[in-house]
Amino acid sequence: QVQLVESGGGFVQPGGSLRLSCAASGRIFSINVMGWYRQAPGKQRELVAKITSGAEIPTYTASVKGRFTISKNNNNNALYLQMSDLKPEDTAVYYCNLNQEFNNYWGQGTQVTVSS
C-alpha cells in the first residue's frame, strides 16, 4: 500500500501564496505520475498539475498556468505545489495523487481558502 499525506493548506487573501506538500510512503517502486487535484464545493474533482516520472515534464490546467509550480523530490518521492497570486476561485480541497502501475492512490486532502 501507498500512503499520501498532504500539508500546507490554509487561509490566504487574494494575491497571496501557499506551498502544499505531499509526503509519500509505503510500497513505492514504479511511479508513473504524481499530481495535484482539487475539488471545490459542488464541483467535480479536477486536475491542477501533474508531473510524469522519467521525463519529469509538468503539465498544468489552464487556469493555474503561470501561477502554480509543481515539483517532486525523487529522493523521497515528496511532491510540492507552489501556489502564487491565489484567487478566490482557487478555493478547494487539494488532493495529492500517485499513479503506480495500474493503481491510483489519494491523500486525505488539505483545504485551501482564498478570501478577503
Protein backbone atom coordinates (compact mmCIF):
# COMPACT_ATOMS: atom_id res chain seq x y z
CA GLN A 1 0.00 0.00 0.00
CA VAL A 2 0.93 3.63 -0.52
CA GLN A 3 0.17 6.43 1.91
CA LEU A 4 -0.01 10.08 0.92
CA VAL A 5 -0.23 12.90 3.44
CA GLU A 6 -0.80 16.48 2.34
CA SER A 7 0.03 19.58 4.33
CA GLY A 8 0.38 23.31 3.84
CA GLY A 9 -3.19 24.35 3.20
CA GLY A 10 -4.79 27.30 4.94
CA PHE A 11 -6.49 30.63 4.63
CA VAL A 12 -4.95 33.32 2.46
CA GLN A 13 -6.05 36.62 0.96
CA PRO A 14 -6.30 37.08 -2.81
CA GLY A 15 -2.87 37.59 -4.31
CA GLY A 16 -1.22 35.56 -1.57
CA SER A 17 0.86 32.40 -1.76
CA LEU A 18 0.85 28.94 -0.26
CA ARG A 19 3.05 25.89 -0.66
CA LEU A 20 1.46 22.47 -0.45
CA SER A 21 3.48 19.38 0.38
CA CYS A 22 2.71 15.70 -0.07
CA ALA A 23 4.68 13.06 1.79
CA ALA A 24 4.58 9.62 0.16
CA SER A 25 5.40 6.37 1.93
CA GLY A 26 4.78 2.66 1.63
CA ARG A 27 5.35 0.32 -1.31
CA ILE A 28 6.59 2.81 -3.86
CA PHE A 29 8.63 1.27 -6.62
CA SER A 30 7.50 2.45 -10.05
CA ILE A 31 5.70 5.77 -10.13
CA ASN A 32 4.10 6.73 -13.41
CA VAL A 33 2.68 10.11 -12.49
CA MET A 34 2.22 12.25 -9.40
CA GLY A 35 -0.12 15.16 -9.34
CA TRP A 36 -2.36 17.58 -7.51
CA TYR A 37 -6.12 17.64 -7.90
CA ARG A 38 -8.68 19.89 -6.29
CA GLN A 39 -12.36 19.78 -5.53
CA ALA A 40 -14.45 22.83 -4.79
CA PRO A 41 -17.88 22.56 -3.11
CA GLY A 42 -20.47 21.30 -5.56
CA LYS A 43 -17.91 20.64 -8.27
CA GLN A 44 -16.11 17.61 -9.61
CA ARG A 45 -12.53 16.90 -8.70
CA GLU A 46 -10.20 18.36 -11.31
CA LEU A 47 -6.57 18.03 -12.20
CA VAL A 48 -4.46 21.02 -11.20
CA ALA A 49 -0.98 19.87 -12.16
CA LYS A 50 0.92 16.65 -12.70
CA ILE A 51 4.44 15.54 -13.32
CA THR A 52 5.48 12.37 -15.08
CA SER A 53 8.35 10.23 -13.88
CA GLY A 54 11.40 9.91 -16.08
CA ALA A 55 10.96 12.92 -18.31
CA GLU A 56 9.72 14.94 -15.30
CA ILE A 57 7.54 17.03 -17.56
CA PRO A 58 4.98 19.11 -15.68
CA THR A 59 1.56 19.93 -17.04
CA TYR A 60 -0.97 22.38 -15.67
CA THR A 61 -4.60 23.13 -16.09
CA ALA A 62 -5.05 26.40 -17.96
CA SER A 63 -6.42 28.36 -15.01
CA VAL A 64 -3.25 27.95 -12.94
CA LYS A 65 -0.54 28.25 -15.60
CA GLY A 66 1.97 30.90 -14.67
CA ARG A 67 0.79 30.96 -11.05
CA PHE A 68 1.38 27.42 -9.77
CA THR A 69 4.54 25.32 -9.93
CA ILE A 70 4.65 21.58 -9.29
CA SER A 71 7.87 19.88 -8.24
CA LYS A 72 8.98 16.49 -6.96
CA ASN A 73 11.84 15.27 -4.81
CA ASN A 74 12.92 11.99 -6.37
CA ASN A 75 14.93 11.02 -3.30
CA ASN A 76 11.86 10.64 -1.12
CA ASN A 77 9.00 10.98 -3.62
CA ALA A 78 7.70 14.12 -1.94
CA LEU A 79 5.51 16.30 -4.10
CA TYR A 80 5.04 20.05 -3.84
CA LEU A 81 2.77 22.69 -5.26
CA GLN A 82 3.87 26.31 -5.01
CA MET A 83 0.82 28.50 -5.48
CA SER A 84 1.14 32.23 -6.10
CA ASP A 85 -1.28 35.03 -6.95
CA LEU A 86 -4.07 32.99 -5.44
CA LYS A 87 -7.63 33.82 -6.43
CA PRO A 88 -10.95 33.10 -4.70
CA GLU A 89 -11.71 30.55 -7.41
CA ASP A 90 -8.70 28.53 -6.23
CA THR A 91 -10.59 27.73 -3.03
CA ALA A 92 -10.92 23.97 -2.78
CA VAL A 93 -9.69 20.84 -1.07
CA TYR A 94 -6.40 19.90 -2.70
CA TYR A 95 -5.50 16.23 -3.06
CA CYS A 96 -2.21 14.56 -3.80
CA ASN A 97 -2.33 11.68 -6.29
CA LEU A 98 0.16 8.96 -7.12
CA ASN A 99 -0.25 6.57 -10.02
CA GLN A 100 1.83 3.43 -9.87
CA GLU A 101 1.40 0.58 -12.32
CA PHE A 102 -2.40 0.45 -12.61
CA ASN A 103 -3.24 1.81 -9.18
CA ASN A 104 -4.24 5.31 -8.11
CA TYR A 105 -3.58 6.48 -4.58
CA TRP A 106 -5.00 9.57 -2.88
CA GLY A 107 -4.24 11.59 0.20
CA GLN A 108 -6.87 12.87 2.58
CA GLY A 109 -6.74 16.38 1.18
CA THR A 110 -5.85 19.81 2.53
CA GLN A 111 -8.17 22.80 2.48
CA VAL A 112 -7.13 25.99 0.69
CA THR A 113 -9.36 29.02 1.20
CA VAL A 114 -8.74 32.27 -0.65
CA SER A 115 -10.85 35.15 0.60
CA SER A 116 -10.66 38.76 1.59
